[in-house]
Amino acid sequence: MSLRQFEYALAVAEEGSVTAAAERLHVAQPSVSQQIRGLERELGVKLFARTPTGLVPTTVGRAFLREAEVAVSASRRARATARAGAEDLVGELVVAVQMGFGTRQLPRALGELRRRHPRLEITVFEEPSAAELDRLCRRGALDFALMAACDRTPSDAHRLGYEELVVVLGEGHPQLESERVELSGLKGEPWVRFDRDSTLDAVLVEAVQDHGLTPVTAARVSQAATAVRWAAEGLGVTLLPASAVPPGHEHVVRPVAPALSRPVIAVLRRDAGPAERTLLELLRKEKWPGPAPEAVSLSRNS
């Protein structure tokens, strides 16, 4: 087996066809087909099944691809580390961010990183679940993770600061007359919530339950910006980190009383290279507001 075969198999799984995978890899279609067949013969299993919508991994294929992804990522990091110079970082940096956290700080840090090292390829994706982020970190599939602290926070995590939590209210909501909103004063309000396995939904539920409320769900969304827009339109109230509020909605946002915050951490892979360490230093320079003196830090849920 070779890393090239692993890369071809991953491309077929992502694209759903040999033709699309070949186009993406800039190779001839027969070459991809040959490599996949050779890999299946060597393994003695079928990695893909043909369906009306394209090729999909079999059960054993999915298990194989998970390990192949780890191997390919490790190979890319090894090449990047070997080629990286003090002034010119090259290769790929895979960054995952927990949805809603570091929404303002991470883009600025990544922008500065790219300006310094334009040959560095950066892949970023949002992951709503702390459990999934933890799993990906343990598998070695990530170079850098930005997330809220939780019970499973690794001992070598880097504390960056805090994200203050705010509520978003509908236009004309009476609570907008207050500088801060007591969550207990939102009794009976419907809530715009997040996906059930997401950290943001766990934070929301914990906060309102601590104030004696049971959130009545008006809607569930998968993106923080969507929750803000829907809450502003009056569908229900929502609660999320202040940095996740998109521009133009500040007038319907209020901090809560007493103040609530979540600590934000960065987790680097064990053999972190210069790209990861540089990104960490850039994030340390970003503004991470500390909690107000009376703030309560939520960190039980994950």
C-alpha atoms as a PDB file:
ATOM      1  CA  MET A   1       0.000   0.000   0.000  1.00  0.00           C
ATOM      2  CA  SER A   2       1.157   3.553  -0.686  1.00  0.00           C
ATOM      3  CA  LEU A   3       0.209   7.030   0.425  1.00  0.00           C
ATOM      4  CA  ARG A   4      -0.801   7.750  -3.169  1.00  0.00           C
ATOM      5  CA  GLN A   5      -3.400   4.992  -2.957  1.00  0.00           C
ATOM      6  CA  PHE A   6      -4.640   6.442   0.323  1.00  0.00           C
ATOM      7  CA  GLU A   7      -4.960   9.888  -1.261  1.00  0.00           C
ATOM      8  CA  TYR A   8      -6.823   8.472  -4.269  1.00  0.00           C
ATOM      9  CA  ALA A   9      -9.245   6.562  -2.026  1.00  0.00           C
ATOM     10  CA  LEU A  10      -9.925   9.660   0.086  1.00  0.00           C
ATOM     11  CA  ALA A  11     -10.564  11.727  -3.054  1.00  0.00           C
ATOM     12  CA  VAL A  12     -13.036   9.145  -4.415  1.00  0.00           C
ATOM     13  CA  ALA A  13     -14.866   9.094  -1.071  1.00  0.00           C
ATOM     14  CA  GLU A  14     -15.127  12.890  -0.980  1.00  0.00           C
ATOM     15  CA  GLU A  15     -16.105  13.352  -4.636  1.00  0.00           C
ATOM     16  CA  GLY A  16     -18.359  10.306  -4.994  1.00  0.00           C
ATOM     17  CA  SER A  17     -16.900   9.237  -8.334  1.00  0.00           C
ATOM     18  CA  VAL A  18     -13.633   8.199  -9.921  1.00  0.00           C
ATOM     19  CA  THR A  19     -14.038  10.808 -12.662  1.00  0.00           C
ATOM     20  CA  ALA A  20     -14.432  13.719 -10.248  1.00  0.00           C
ATOM     21  CA  ALA A  21     -11.579  12.425  -8.087  1.00  0.00           C
ATOM     22  CA  ALA A  22      -9.298  12.209 -11.130  1.00  0.00           C
ATOM     23  CA  GLU A  23     -10.146  15.779 -12.142  1.00  0.00           C
ATOM     24  CA  ARG A  24      -9.409  17.037  -8.646  1.00  0.00           C
ATOM     25  CA  LEU A  25      -6.115  15.150  -8.487  1.00  0.00           C
ATOM     26  CA  HIS A  26      -5.159  16.194 -12.044  1.00  0.00           C
ATOM     27  CA  VAL A  27      -4.526  12.614 -13.120  1.00  0.00           C
ATOM     28  CA  ALA A  28      -6.106  10.290 -15.694  1.00  0.00           C
ATOM     29  CA  GLN A  29      -9.253   8.442 -14.664  1.00  0.00           C
ATOM     30  CA  PRO A  30      -7.800   4.973 -15.471  1.00  0.00           C
ATOM     31  CA  SER A  31      -4.930   5.672 -13.085  1.00  0.00           C
ATOM     32  CA  VAL A  32      -7.333   6.307 -10.191  1.00  0.00           C
ATOM     33  CA  SER A  33      -9.405   3.208 -11.035  1.00  0.00           C
ATOM     34  CA  GLN A  34      -6.276   1.074 -11.215  1.00  0.00           C
ATOM     35  CA  GLN A  35      -4.966   2.316  -7.880  1.00  0.00           C
ATOM     36  CA  ILE A  36      -8.306   1.686  -6.138  1.00  0.00           C
ATOM     37  CA  ARG A  37      -8.593  -1.829  -7.591  1.00  0.00           C
ATOM     38  CA  GLY A  38      -5.032  -2.597  -6.564  1.00  0.00           C
ATOM     39  CA  LEU A  39      -5.692  -1.358  -3.060  1.00  0.00           C
ATOM     40  CA  GLU A  40      -8.837  -3.483  -2.758  1.00  0.00           C
ATOM     41  CA  ARG A  41      -6.977  -6.576  -4.012  1.00  0.00           C
ATOM     42  CA  GLU A  42      -4.187  -6.057  -1.502  1.00  0.00           C
ATOM     43  CA  LEU A  43      -6.632  -5.537   1.359  1.00  0.00           C
ATOM     44  CA  GLY A  44      -8.970  -8.288   0.238  1.00  0.00           C
ATOM     45  CA  VAL A  45     -12.065  -6.129   0.758  1.00  0.00           C
ATOM     46  CA  LYS A  46     -14.377  -3.835  -1.178  1.00  0.00           C
ATOM     47  CA  LEU A  47     -13.843  -0.216  -0.163  1.00  0.00           C
ATOM     48  CA  PHE A  48     -16.663   1.312  -2.236  1.00  0.00           C
ATOM     49  CA  ALA A  49     -20.171   0.363  -3.287  1.00  0.00           C
ATOM     50  CA  ARG A  50     -21.851   1.719  -6.397  1.00  0.00           C
ATOM     51  CA  THR A  51     -25.209   3.452  -5.780  1.00  0.00           C
ATOM     52  CA  PRO A  52     -27.537   5.509  -7.998  1.00  0.00           C
ATOM     53  CA  THR A  53     -25.933   8.672  -6.616  1.00  0.00           C
ATOM     54  CA  GLY A  54     -22.320   7.523  -7.015  1.00  0.00           C
ATOM     55  CA  LEU A  55     -19.651   5.604  -5.144  1.00  0.00           C
ATOM     56  CA  VAL A  56     -19.991   5.425  -1.361  1.00  0.00           C
ATOM     57  CA  PRO A  57     -17.625   3.772   1.122  1.00  0.00           C
ATOM     58  CA  THR A  58     -18.620   0.390   2.497  1.00  0.00           C
ATOM     59  CA  THR A  59     -18.623  -0.191   6.248  1.00  0.00           C
ATOM     60  CA  VAL A  60     -15.084  -1.551   6.142  1.00  0.00           C
ATOM     61  CA  GLY A  61     -14.215   1.180   3.668  1.00  0.00           C
ATOM     62  CA  ARG A  62     -15.236   3.892   6.143  1.00  0.00           C
ATOM     63  CA  ALA A  63     -13.054   2.307   8.825  1.00  0.00           C
ATOM     64  CA  PHE A  64     -10.116   2.142   6.416  1.00  0.00           C
ATOM     65  CA  LEU A  65     -10.586   5.735   5.252  1.00  0.00           C
ATOM     66  CA  ARG A  66     -10.487   7.046   8.812  1.00  0.00           C
ATOM     67  CA  GLU A  67      -7.037   5.574   9.278  1.00  0.00           C
ATOM     68  CA  ALA A  68      -5.945   6.587   5.773  1.00  0.00           C
ATOM     69  CA  GLU A  69      -6.855  10.205   6.593  1.00  0.00           C
ATOM     70  CA  VAL A  70      -4.618  10.090   9.676  1.00  0.00           C
ATOM     71  CA  ALA A  71      -1.736   8.639   7.635  1.00  0.00           C
ATOM     72  CA  VAL A  72      -2.063  11.215   4.858  1.00  0.00           C
ATOM     73  CA  SER A  73      -2.285  14.091   7.342  1.00  0.00           C
ATOM     74  CA  ALA A  74       0.810  12.836   9.152  1.00  0.00           C
ATOM     75  CA  SER A  75       2.675  12.577   5.861  1.00  0.00           C
ATOM     76  CA  ARG A  76       1.770  16.134   4.884  1.00  0.00           C
ATOM     77  CA  ARG A  77       2.882  17.443   8.266  1.00  0.00           C
ATOM     78  CA  ALA A  78       6.169  15.576   8.003  1.00  0.00           C
ATOM     79  CA  ARG A  79       6.841  17.067   4.568  1.00  0.00           C
ATOM     80  CA  ALA A  80       5.884  20.546   5.788  1.00  0.00           C
ATOM     81  CA  THR A  81       8.134  20.279   8.840  1.00  0.00           C
ATOM     82  CA  ALA A  82      11.055  19.081   6.734  1.00  0.00           C
ATOM     83  CA  ARG A  83      10.623  21.892   4.221  1.00  0.00           C
ATOM     84  CA  ALA A  84       9.749  24.681   6.636  1.00  0.00           C
ATOM     85  CA  GLY A  85      12.368  27.364   7.035  1.00  0.00           C
ATOM     86  CA  ALA A  86      12.548  30.101   9.597  1.00  0.00           C
ATOM     87  CA  GLU A  87      11.183  32.672   7.147  1.00  0.00           C
ATOM     88  CA  ASP A  88       9.010  30.607   4.796  1.00  0.00           C
ATOM     89  CA  LEU A  89       6.472  28.090   6.085  1.00  0.00           C
ATOM     90  CA  VAL A  90       5.051  25.743   3.465  1.00  0.00           C
ATOM     91  CA  GLY A  91       2.693  22.781   3.485  1.00  0.00           C
ATOM     92  CA  GLU A  92      -0.790  22.386   4.961  1.00  0.00           C
ATOM     93  CA  LEU A  93      -2.195  23.488   8.306  1.00  0.00           C
ATOM     94  CA  VAL A  94      -5.515  21.901   9.350  1.00  0.00           C
ATOM     95  CA  VAL A  95      -7.436  24.048  11.862  1.00  0.00           C
ATOM     96  CA  ALA A  96     -10.752  23.235  13.525  1.00  0.00           C
ATOM     97  CA  VAL A  97     -12.754  25.771  15.495  1.00  0.00           C
ATOM     98  CA  GLN A  98     -15.707  25.090  17.723  1.00  0.00           C
ATOM     99  CA  MET A  99     -18.704  26.856  16.252  1.00  0.00           C
ATOM    100  CA  GLY A 100     -19.325  30.273  17.817  1.00  0.00           C
ATOM    101  CA  PHE A 101     -15.964  30.685  19.543  1.00  0.00           C
ATOM    102  CA  GLY A 102     -13.113  32.882  18.275  1.00  0.00           C
ATOM    103  CA  THR A 103     -15.295  34.102  15.413  1.00  0.00           C
ATOM    104  CA  ARG A 104     -13.515  37.457  15.268  1.00  0.00           C
ATOM    105  CA  GLN A 105     -10.088  36.522  16.580  1.00  0.00           C
ATOM    106  CA  LEU A 106      -9.294  33.464  14.452  1.00  0.00           C
ATOM    107  CA  PRO A 107      -9.838  35.075  11.000  1.00  0.00           C
ATOM    108  CA  ARG A 108      -7.554  37.975  11.935  1.00  0.00           C
ATOM    109  CA  ALA A 109      -4.834  35.629  13.176  1.00  0.00           C
ATOM    110  CA  LEU A 110      -5.096  33.404  10.112  1.00  0.00           C
ATOM    111  CA  GLY A 111      -4.993  36.441   7.830  1.00  0.00           C
ATOM    112  CA  GLU A 112      -1.763  37.607   9.436  1.00  0.00           C
ATOM    113  CA  LEU A 113      -0.329  34.082   9.213  1.00  0.00           C
ATOM    114  CA  ARG A 114      -1.064  33.944   5.474  1.00  0.00           C
ATOM    115  CA  ARG A 115       0.439  37.402   4.906  1.00  0.00           C
ATOM    116  CA  ARG A 116       3.638  36.277   6.571  1.00  0.00           C
ATOM    117  CA  HIS A 117       3.731  32.878   4.874  1.00  0.00           C
ATOM    118  CA  PRO A 118       1.787  32.963   1.577  1.00  0.00           C
ATOM    119  CA  ARG A 119       2.969  29.468   0.606  1.00  0.00           C
ATOM    120  CA  LEU A 120       1.264  27.929   3.637  1.00  0.00           C
ATOM    121  CA  GLU A 121      -2.021  26.199   2.744  1.00  0.00           C
ATOM    122  CA  ILE A 122      -4.605  26.541   5.520  1.00  0.00           C
ATOM    123  CA  THR A 123      -7.715  24.364   5.820  1.00  0.00           C
ATOM    124  CA  VAL A 124     -10.305  25.535   8.363  1.00  0.00           C
ATOM    125  CA  PHE A 125     -13.602  23.958   9.334  1.00  0.00           C
ATOM    126  CA  GLU A 126     -16.193  24.557  12.038  1.00  0.00           C
ATOM    127  CA  GLU A 127     -17.109  21.702  14.350  1.00  0.00           C
ATOM    128  CA  PRO A 128     -20.109  22.184  16.662  1.00  0.00           C
ATOM    129  CA  SER A 129     -19.357  19.263  18.993  1.00  0.00           C
ATOM    130  CA  ALA A 130     -16.632  19.312  21.626  1.00  0.00           C
ATOM    131  CA  ALA A 131     -16.727  15.507  21.741  1.00  0.00           C
ATOM    132  CA  GLU A 132     -16.012  15.291  18.008  1.00  0.00           C
ATOM    133  CA  LEU A 133     -13.196  17.841  18.283  1.00  0.00           C
ATOM    134  CA  ASP A 134     -11.688  15.787  21.086  1.00  0.00           C
ATOM    135  CA  ARG A 135     -11.927  12.633  18.955  1.00  0.00           C
ATOM    136  CA  LEU A 136     -10.302  14.301  15.954  1.00  0.00           C
ATOM    137  CA  CYS A 137      -7.493  15.662  18.122  1.00  0.00           C
ATOM    138  CA  ARG A 138      -6.807  12.217  19.581  1.00  0.00           C
ATOM    139  CA  ARG A 139      -6.763  10.660  16.108  1.00  0.00           C
ATOM    140  CA  GLY A 140      -4.167  13.147  14.966  1.00  0.00           C
ATOM    141  CA  ALA A 141      -6.410  14.490  12.191  1.00  0.00           C
ATOM    142  CA  LEU A 142      -6.017  18.095  13.358  1.00  0.00           C
ATOM    143  CA  ASP A 143      -3.001  20.364  13.656  1.00  0.00           C
ATOM    144  CA  PHE A 144      -4.756  23.028  15.712  1.00  0.00           C
ATOM    145  CA  ALA A 145      -8.101  23.230  17.511  1.00  0.00           C
ATOM    146  CA  LEU A 146      -9.751  26.328  18.993  1.00  0.00           C
ATOM    147  CA  MET A 147     -12.520  25.512  21.438  1.00  0.00           C
ATOM    148  CA  ALA A 148     -14.262  26.251  24.714  1.00  0.00           C
ATOM    149  CA  ALA A 149     -12.789  24.619  27.794  1.00  0.00           C
ATOM    150  CA  CYS A 150     -14.698  21.603  29.098  1.00  0.00           C
ATOM    151  CA  ASP A 151     -14.328  18.643  31.439  1.00  0.00           C
ATOM    152  CA  ARG A 152     -12.124  16.845  28.896  1.00  0.00           C
ATOM    153  CA  THR A 153      -9.752  19.779  28.330  1.00  0.00           C
ATOM    154  CA  PRO A 154      -6.237  18.348  27.863  1.00  0.00           C
ATOM    155  CA  SER A 155      -3.652  19.258  30.471  1.00  0.00           C
ATOM    156  CA  ASP A 156      -1.412  20.772  27.791  1.00  0.00           C
ATOM    157  CA  ALA A 157      -4.118  23.079  26.401  1.00  0.00           C
ATOM    158  CA  HIS A 158      -3.284  26.773  26.043  1.00  0.00           C
ATOM    159  CA  ARG A 159      -5.699  29.188  27.737  1.00  0.00           C
ATOM    160  CA  LEU A 160      -6.314  32.232  25.527  1.00  0.00           C
ATOM    161  CA  GLY A 161      -9.025  34.163  27.355  1.00  0.00           C
ATOM    162  CA  TYR A 162     -12.789  34.272  27.648  1.00  0.00           C
ATOM    163  CA  GLU A 163     -15.861  34.651  25.474  1.00  0.00           C
ATOM    164  CA  GLU A 164     -18.670  36.613  27.094  1.00  0.00           C
ATOM    165  CA  LEU A 165     -22.140  35.218  26.467  1.00  0.00           C
ATOM    166  CA  VAL A 166     -24.918  37.535  25.299  1.00  0.00           C
ATOM    167  CA  VAL A 167     -28.619  37.243  24.518  1.00  0.00           C
ATOM    168  CA  VAL A 168     -30.151  38.271  21.214  1.00  0.00           C
ATOM    169  CA  LEU A 169     -33.684  39.673  21.361  1.00  0.00           C
ATOM    170  CA  GLY A 170     -36.260  40.524  18.747  1.00  0.00           C
ATOM    171  CA  GLU A 171     -36.679  44.048  17.404  1.00  0.00           C
ATOM    172  CA  GLY A 172     -38.727  46.052  19.904  1.00  0.00           C
ATOM    173  CA  HIS A 173     -38.347  43.519  22.721  1.00  0.00           C
ATOM    174  CA  PRO A 174     -39.001  45.259  26.082  1.00  0.00           C
ATOM    175  CA  GLN A 175     -35.779  43.873  27.585  1.00  0.00           C
ATOM    176  CA  LEU A 176     -33.790  45.977  25.103  1.00  0.00           C
ATOM    177  CA  GLU A 177     -34.454  48.918  27.434  1.00  0.00           C
ATOM    178  CA  SER A 178     -32.005  47.338  29.921  1.00  0.00           C
ATOM    179  CA  GLU A 179     -28.217  47.479  29.717  1.00  0.00           C
ATOM    180  CA  ARG A 180     -28.069  43.870  30.899  1.00  0.00           C
ATOM    181  CA  VAL A 181     -30.709  41.161  30.801  1.00  0.00           C
ATOM    182  CA  GLU A 182     -31.410  38.781  33.663  1.00  0.00           C
ATOM    183  CA  LEU A 183     -32.082  35.358  32.217  1.00  0.00           C
ATOM    184  CA  SER A 184     -34.786  34.758  34.814  1.00  0.00           C
ATOM    185  CA  GLY A 185     -36.657  37.668  33.207  1.00  0.00           C
ATOM    186  CA  LEU A 186     -36.993  35.646  29.988  1.00  0.00           C
ATOM    187  CA  LYS A 187     -39.334  33.106  31.537  1.00  0.00           C
ATOM    188  CA  GLY A 188     -41.899  31.942  29.004  1.00  0.00           C
ATOM    189  CA  GLU A 189     -39.861  33.122  26.005  1.00  0.00           C
ATOM    190  CA  PRO A 190     -39.348  30.700  23.107  1.00  0.00           C
ATOM    191  CA  TRP A 191     -35.704  29.972  22.275  1.00  0.00           C
ATOM    192  CA  VAL A 192     -33.775  29.660  19.027  1.00  0.00           C
ATOM    193  CA  ARG A 193     -31.488  26.735  19.844  1.00  0.00           C
ATOM    194  CA  PHE A 194     -28.656  24.838  18.181  1.00  0.00           C
ATOM    195  CA  ASP A 195     -28.074  21.258  17.063  1.00  0.00           C
ATOM    196  CA  ARG A 196     -28.600  18.836  19.935  1.00  0.00           C
ATOM    197  CA  ASP A 197     -25.006  17.579  20.106  1.00  0.00           C
ATOM    198  CA  SER A 198     -23.415  21.024  19.837  1.00  0.00           C
ATOM    199  CA  THR A 199     -21.502  22.839  22.555  1.00  0.00           C
ATOM    200  CA  LEU A 200     -23.522  26.017  21.938  1.00  0.00           C
ATOM    201  CA  ASP A 201     -26.768  24.237  22.749  1.00  0.00           C
ATOM    202  CA  ALA A 202     -25.249  22.711  25.885  1.00  0.00           C
ATOM    203  CA  VAL A 203     -24.085  26.178  26.991  1.00  0.00           C
ATOM    204  CA  LEU A 204     -27.528  27.667  26.353  1.00  0.00           C
ATOM    205  CA  VAL A 205     -29.367  24.935  28.262  1.00  0.00           C
ATOM    206  CA  GLU A 206     -26.961  25.057  31.198  1.00  0.00           C
ATOM    207  CA  ALA A 207     -27.231  28.837  31.492  1.00  0.00           C
ATOM    208  CA  VAL A 208     -31.013  29.048  31.426  1.00  0.00           C
ATOM    209  CA  GLN A 209     -31.503  26.033  33.688  1.00  0.00           C
ATOM    210  CA  ASP A 210     -29.174  27.605  36.242  1.00  0.00           C
ATOM    211  CA  HIS A 211     -31.706  30.454  36.342  1.00  0.00           C
ATOM    212  CA  GLY A 212     -34.695  28.175  36.850  1.00  0.00           C
ATOM    213  CA  LEU A 213     -35.858  28.113  33.232  1.00  0.00           C
ATOM    214  CA  THR A 214     -36.676  25.271  30.879  1.00  0.00           C
ATOM    215  CA  PRO A 215     -36.038  26.461  27.316  1.00  0.00           C
ATOM    216  CA  VAL A 216     -39.043  26.118  25.027  1.00  0.00           C
ATOM    217  CA  THR A 217     -37.651  25.422  21.563  1.00  0.00           C
ATOM    218  CA  ALA A 218     -38.935  27.650  18.774  1.00  0.00           C
ATOM    219  CA  ALA A 219     -36.372  26.407  16.238  1.00  0.00           C
ATOM    220  CA  ARG A 220     -33.023  24.672  15.963  1.00  0.00           C
ATOM    221  CA  VAL A 221     -30.255  25.943  13.687  1.00  0.00           C
ATOM    222  CA  SER A 222     -26.753  24.787  12.837  1.00  0.00           C
ATOM    223  CA  GLN A 223     -25.087  28.198  12.442  1.00  0.00           C
ATOM    224  CA  ALA A 224     -24.599  30.970  15.004  1.00  0.00           C
ATOM    225  CA  ALA A 225     -25.298  33.738  12.465  1.00  0.00           C
ATOM    226  CA  THR A 226     -28.616  32.100  11.567  1.00  0.00           C
ATOM    227  CA  ALA A 227     -29.639  32.013  15.225  1.00  0.00           C
ATOM    228  CA  VAL A 228     -28.901  35.735  15.544  1.00  0.00           C
ATOM    229  CA  ARG A 229     -30.910  36.644  12.446  1.00  0.00           C
ATOM    230  CA  TRP A 230     -33.903  34.536  13.445  1.00  0.00           C
ATOM    231  CA  ALA A 231     -33.869  35.878  16.997  1.00  0.00           C
ATOM    232  CA  ALA A 232     -33.701  39.460  15.684  1.00  0.00           C
ATOM    233  CA  GLU A 233     -36.804  38.738  13.583  1.00  0.00           C
ATOM    234  CA  GLY A 234     -38.703  37.752  16.718  1.00  0.00           C
ATOM    235  CA  LEU A 235     -38.815  33.964  16.318  1.00  0.00           C
ATOM    236  CA  GLY A 236     -37.355  33.568  19.810  1.00  0.00           C
ATOM    237  CA  VAL A 237     -34.439  34.662  21.954  1.00  0.00           C
ATOM    238  CA  THR A 238     -31.018  33.035  21.818  1.00  0.00           C
ATOM    239  CA  LEU A 239     -27.759  33.003  23.759  1.00  0.00           C
ATOM    240  CA  LEU A 240     -24.257  32.692  22.289  1.00  0.00           C
ATOM    241  CA  PRO A 241     -20.709  34.134  22.480  1.00  0.00           C
ATOM    242  CA  ALA A 242     -20.485  37.857  21.794  1.00  0.00           C
ATOM    243  CA  SER A 243     -17.919  37.437  19.011  1.00  0.00           C
ATOM    244  CA  ALA A 244     -20.362  35.236  17.052  1.00  0.00           C
ATOM    245  CA  VAL A 245     -22.809  38.122  16.554  1.00  0.00           C
ATOM    246  CA  PRO A 246     -22.517  39.299  12.932  1.00  0.00           C
ATOM    247  CA  PRO A 247     -22.178  43.037  12.219  1.00  0.00           C
ATOM    248  CA  GLY A 248     -25.428  44.953  12.016  1.00  0.00           C
ATOM    249  CA  HIS A 249     -27.158  43.188  14.905  1.00  0.00           C
ATOM    250  CA  GLU A 250     -25.476  44.890  17.855  1.00  0.00           C
ATOM    251  CA  HIS A 251     -28.643  46.852  18.670  1.00  0.00           C
ATOM    252  CA  VAL A 252     -30.587  43.673  19.551  1.00  0.00           C
ATOM    253  CA  VAL A 253     -27.803  42.179  21.678  1.00  0.00           C
ATOM    254  CA  ARG A 254     -27.458  42.531  25.442  1.00  0.00           C
ATOM    255  CA  PRO A 255     -25.027  41.007  27.957  1.00  0.00           C
ATOM    256  CA  VAL A 256     -26.626  39.002  30.725  1.00  0.00           C
ATOM    257  CA  ALA A 257     -26.726  39.702  34.450  1.00  0.00           C
ATOM    258  CA  PRO A 258     -24.866  38.300  36.207  1.00  0.00           C
ATOM    259  CA  ALA A 259     -22.288  38.132  33.420  1.00  0.00           C
ATOM    260  CA  LEU A 260     -21.584  34.722  31.909  1.00  0.00           C
ATOM    261  CA  SER A 261     -18.433  33.643  30.104  1.00  0.00           C
ATOM    262  CA  ARG A 262     -16.668  30.567  28.738  1.00  0.00           C
ATOM    263  CA  PRO A 263     -12.869  30.110  28.782  1.00  0.00           C
ATOM    264  CA  VAL A 264     -11.376  29.560  25.312  1.00  0.00           C
ATOM    265  CA  ILE A 265      -8.419  27.261  24.722  1.00  0.00           C
ATOM    266  CA  ALA A 266      -6.141  26.183  21.885  1.00  0.00           C
ATOM    267  CA  VAL A 267      -5.055  22.566  21.524  1.00  0.00           C
ATOM    268  CA  LEU A 268      -2.022  21.764  19.353  1.00  0.00           C
ATOM    269  CA  ARG A 269      -0.989  18.352  18.079  1.00  0.00           C
ATOM    270  CA  ARG A 270       1.723  16.716  20.172  1.00  0.00           C
ATOM    271  CA  ASP A 271       4.495  17.225  17.620  1.00  0.00           C
ATOM    272  CA  ALA A 272       3.416  20.776  16.749  1.00  0.00           C
ATOM    273  CA  GLY A 273       5.483  22.457  14.060  1.00  0.00           C
ATOM    274  CA  PRO A 274       6.348  26.106  13.413  1.00  0.00           C
ATOM    275  CA  ALA A 275       3.019  26.867  11.694  1.00  0.00           C
ATOM    276  CA  GLU A 276       0.982  25.771  14.727  1.00  0.00           C
ATOM    277  CA  ARG A 277       3.242  27.615  17.154  1.00  0.00           C
ATOM    278  CA  THR A 278       3.089  30.786  15.065  1.00  0.00           C
ATOM    279  CA  LEU A 279      -0.712  30.668  14.949  1.00  0.00           C
ATOM    280  CA  LEU A 280      -0.816  30.212  18.726  1.00  0.00           C
ATOM    281  CA  GLU A 281       1.331  33.296  19.263  1.00  0.00           C
ATOM    282  CA  LEU A 282      -0.847  35.332  16.905  1.00  0.00           C
ATOM    283  CA  LEU A 283      -3.975  34.282  18.789  1.00  0.00           C
ATOM    284  CA  ARG A 284      -2.368  35.229  22.094  1.00  0.00           C
ATOM    285  CA  LYS A 285      -1.976  38.756  20.717  1.00  0.00           C
ATOM    286  CA  GLU A 286      -5.672  38.984  19.858  1.00  0.00           C
ATOM    287  CA  LYS A 287      -8.082  40.629  22.272  1.00  0.00           C
ATOM    288  CA  TRP A 288      -9.714  38.006  24.487  1.00  0.00           C
ATOM    289  CA  PRO A 289     -11.796  39.879  27.050  1.00  0.00           C
ATOM    290  CA  GLY A 290     -11.540  38.547  30.562  1.00  0.00           C
ATOM    291  CA  PRO A 291     -14.726  37.890  32.543  1.00  0.00           C
ATOM    292  CA  ALA A 292     -16.314  40.725  34.478  1.00  0.00           C
ATOM    293  CA  PRO A 293     -15.631  40.585  38.221  1.00  0.00           C
ATOM    294  CA  GLU A 294     -19.068  39.081  38.891  1.00  0.00           C
ATOM    295  CA  ALA A 295     -18.987  36.786  35.872  1.00  0.00           C
ATOM    296  CA  VAL A 296     -19.830  33.110  36.176  1.00  0.00           C
ATOM    297  CA  SER A 297     -17.656  30.819  34.062  1.00  0.00           C
ATOM    298  CA  LEU A 298     -19.562  27.962  32.458  1.00  0.00           C
ATOM    299  CA  SER A 299     -17.257  25.023  31.829  1.00  0.00           C
ATOM    300  CA  ARG A 300     -19.077  21.880  32.931  1.00  0.00           C
ATOM    301  CA  ASN A 301     -20.636  20.912  29.652  1.00  0.00           C
ATOM    302  CA  SER A 302     -18.841  19.770  26.536  1.00  0.00           C
END
